[in-house]
Amino acid sequence: MAEKLFKMELREVASRIYVELVLRATSVSETGVKLTSSPENLAKLSFKLAQVFETVQEDLNAENLPKNPDFKLGNDDIAAWIK
C-alpha cells in the first residue's frame, strides 16, 4: 500500500506536535540528557497525528455544510408553505 503524501499545510501542526512529543520523551539529569524515542520516529508520528487532526476537522466541517447547496428559494416555494 502506498504511503499518503502529506500536505505542506500540515507542517505547522506537525511541528507543534513534534515539540510536545520531544519534551515528553526527554529526561534531563545531572549526568546528561536522554531521549527515550528516536527523533525520526517522533517526527513521523507528528505528521501522522497532524493528518488525523486535519481529517477529523474536515469531517466535522462537512457535517456543517449545507446539504443542498444548489437549492434556490423562490416565491413558489414560500407560497407552498402558506397553503
C-alpha atoms as a PDB file:
ATOM      1  CA  MET A   1       0.000   0.000   0.000  1.00  0.00           C
ATOM      2  CA  ALA A   2       1.395   3.412  -0.967  1.00  0.00           C
ATOM      3  CA  GLU A   3       2.011   5.954   1.755  1.00  0.00           C
ATOM      4  CA  LYS A   4      -0.119   9.105   1.726  1.00  0.00           C
ATOM      5  CA  LEU A   5       1.533  12.325   0.660  1.00  0.00           C
ATOM      6  CA  PHE A   6       1.445  14.932   3.395  1.00  0.00           C
ATOM      7  CA  LYS A   7       0.299  18.449   2.674  1.00  0.00           C
ATOM      8  CA  MET A   8       2.742  21.232   3.463  1.00  0.00           C
ATOM      9  CA  GLU A   9      -0.061  23.000   5.354  1.00  0.00           C
ATOM     10  CA  LEU A  10       0.229  20.266   7.997  1.00  0.00           C
ATOM     11  CA  ARG A  11       3.844  21.170   8.738  1.00  0.00           C
ATOM     12  CA  GLU A  12       2.946  23.802  11.342  1.00  0.00           C
ATOM     13  CA  VAL A  13       0.622  21.477  13.244  1.00  0.00           C
ATOM     14  CA  ALA A  14       3.111  18.622  12.948  1.00  0.00           C
ATOM     15  CA  SER A  15       5.942  20.784  14.254  1.00  0.00           C
ATOM     16  CA  ARG A  16       3.908  21.770  17.314  1.00  0.00           C
ATOM     17  CA  ILE A  17       3.063  18.127  17.965  1.00  0.00           C
ATOM     18  CA  TYR A  18       6.744  17.209  17.479  1.00  0.00           C
ATOM     19  CA  VAL A  19       7.913  19.753  20.048  1.00  0.00           C
ATOM     20  CA  GLU A  20       5.408  18.423  22.565  1.00  0.00           C
ATOM     21  CA  LEU A  21       6.421  14.803  21.915  1.00  0.00           C
ATOM     22  CA  VAL A  22      10.126  15.618  22.241  1.00  0.00           C
ATOM     23  CA  LEU A  23       9.508  17.453  25.511  1.00  0.00           C
ATOM     24  CA  ARG A  24       7.646  14.465  26.906  1.00  0.00           C
ATOM     25  CA  ALA A  25      10.248  11.959  25.651  1.00  0.00           C
ATOM     26  CA  THR A  26      13.234  13.848  27.086  1.00  0.00           C
ATOM     27  CA  SER A  27      14.623  13.382  30.553  1.00  0.00           C
ATOM     28  CA  VAL A  28      17.307  15.715  31.852  1.00  0.00           C
ATOM     29  CA  SER A  29      19.536  14.725  34.747  1.00  0.00           C
ATOM     30  CA  GLU A  30      22.781  15.920  36.271  1.00  0.00           C
ATOM     31  CA  THR A  31      24.710  13.442  34.151  1.00  0.00           C
ATOM     32  CA  GLY A  32      23.081  14.188  30.798  1.00  0.00           C
ATOM     33  CA  VAL A  33      20.032  14.248  28.594  1.00  0.00           C
ATOM     34  CA  LYS A  34      18.202  11.127  27.479  1.00  0.00           C
ATOM     35  CA  LEU A  35      15.665  10.922  24.668  1.00  0.00           C
ATOM     36  CA  THR A  36      13.533   7.793  25.110  1.00  0.00           C
ATOM     37  CA  SER A  37      12.384   7.704  21.469  1.00  0.00           C
ATOM     38  CA  SER A  38      14.040   8.216  18.135  1.00  0.00           C
ATOM     39  CA  PRO A  39      13.674  11.819  16.889  1.00  0.00           C
ATOM     40  CA  GLU A  40      12.877  10.435  13.428  1.00  0.00           C
ATOM     41  CA  ASN A  41      10.074   8.267  14.799  1.00  0.00           C
ATOM     42  CA  LEU A  42       8.689  11.238  16.717  1.00  0.00           C
ATOM     43  CA  ALA A  43       8.719  13.336  13.534  1.00  0.00           C
ATOM     44  CA  LYS A  44       6.884  10.615  11.587  1.00  0.00           C
ATOM     45  CA  LEU A  45       4.334  10.267  14.370  1.00  0.00           C
ATOM     46  CA  SER A  46       3.870  14.034  14.428  1.00  0.00           C
ATOM     47  CA  PHE A  47       2.939  14.151  10.747  1.00  0.00           C
ATOM     48  CA  LYS A  48       0.602  11.174  11.094  1.00  0.00           C
ATOM     49  CA  LEU A  49      -1.157  12.799  14.046  1.00  0.00           C
ATOM     50  CA  ALA A  50      -1.409  16.106  12.180  1.00  0.00           C
ATOM     51  CA  GLN A  51      -3.016  14.242   9.249  1.00  0.00           C
ATOM     52  CA  VAL A  52      -5.559  12.637  11.588  1.00  0.00           C
ATOM     53  CA  PHE A  53      -6.266  16.031  13.144  1.00  0.00           C
ATOM     54  CA  GLU A  54      -6.954  17.539   9.707  1.00  0.00           C
ATOM     55  CA  THR A  55      -9.128  14.591   8.645  1.00  0.00           C
ATOM     56  CA  VAL A  56     -11.307  14.936  11.750  1.00  0.00           C
ATOM     57  CA  GLN A  57     -11.569  18.692  11.192  1.00  0.00           C
ATOM     58  CA  GLU A  58     -12.673  18.142   7.575  1.00  0.00           C
ATOM     59  CA  ASP A  59     -15.280  15.586   8.708  1.00  0.00           C
ATOM     60  CA  LEU A  60     -16.667  17.966  11.325  1.00  0.00           C
ATOM     61  CA  ASN A  61     -16.781  20.822   8.821  1.00  0.00           C
ATOM     62  CA  ALA A  62     -18.535  18.609   6.262  1.00  0.00           C
ATOM     63  CA  GLU A  63     -21.317  17.958   8.783  1.00  0.00           C
ATOM     64  CA  ASN A  64     -21.938  21.714   8.979  1.00  0.00           C
ATOM     65  CA  LEU A  65     -22.040  22.368   5.230  1.00  0.00           C
ATOM     66  CA  PRO A  66     -25.388  22.961   3.513  1.00  0.00           C
ATOM     67  CA  LYS A  67     -26.973  19.670   2.475  1.00  0.00           C
ATOM     68  CA  ASN A  68     -28.392  21.046  -0.782  1.00  0.00           C
ATOM     69  CA  PRO A  69     -26.194  23.963  -1.876  1.00  0.00           C
ATOM     70  CA  ASP A  70     -27.889  24.282  -5.300  1.00  0.00           C
ATOM     71  CA  PHE A  71     -31.355  24.917  -3.826  1.00  0.00           C
ATOM     72  CA  LYS A  72     -32.824  28.279  -4.817  1.00  0.00           C
ATOM     73  CA  LEU A  73     -35.631  29.644  -2.695  1.00  0.00           C
ATOM     74  CA  GLY A  74     -38.318  31.151  -4.876  1.00  0.00           C
ATOM     75  CA  ASN A  75     -41.718  32.767  -4.414  1.00  0.00           C
ATOM     76  CA  ASP A  76     -43.415  29.499  -5.346  1.00  0.00           C
ATOM     77  CA  ASP A  77     -41.639  27.708  -2.506  1.00  0.00           C
ATOM     78  CA  ILE A  78     -42.789  30.301   0.024  1.00  0.00           C
ATOM     79  CA  ALA A  79     -46.329  30.215  -1.340  1.00  0.00           C
ATOM     80  CA  ALA A  80     -46.367  26.426  -0.884  1.00  0.00           C
ATOM     81  CA  TRP A  81     -45.549  26.841   2.824  1.00  0.00           C
ATOM     82  CA  ILE A  82     -48.576  29.099   3.374  1.00  0.00           C
ATOM     83  CA  LYS A  83     -51.126  26.653   1.948  1.00  0.00           C
END
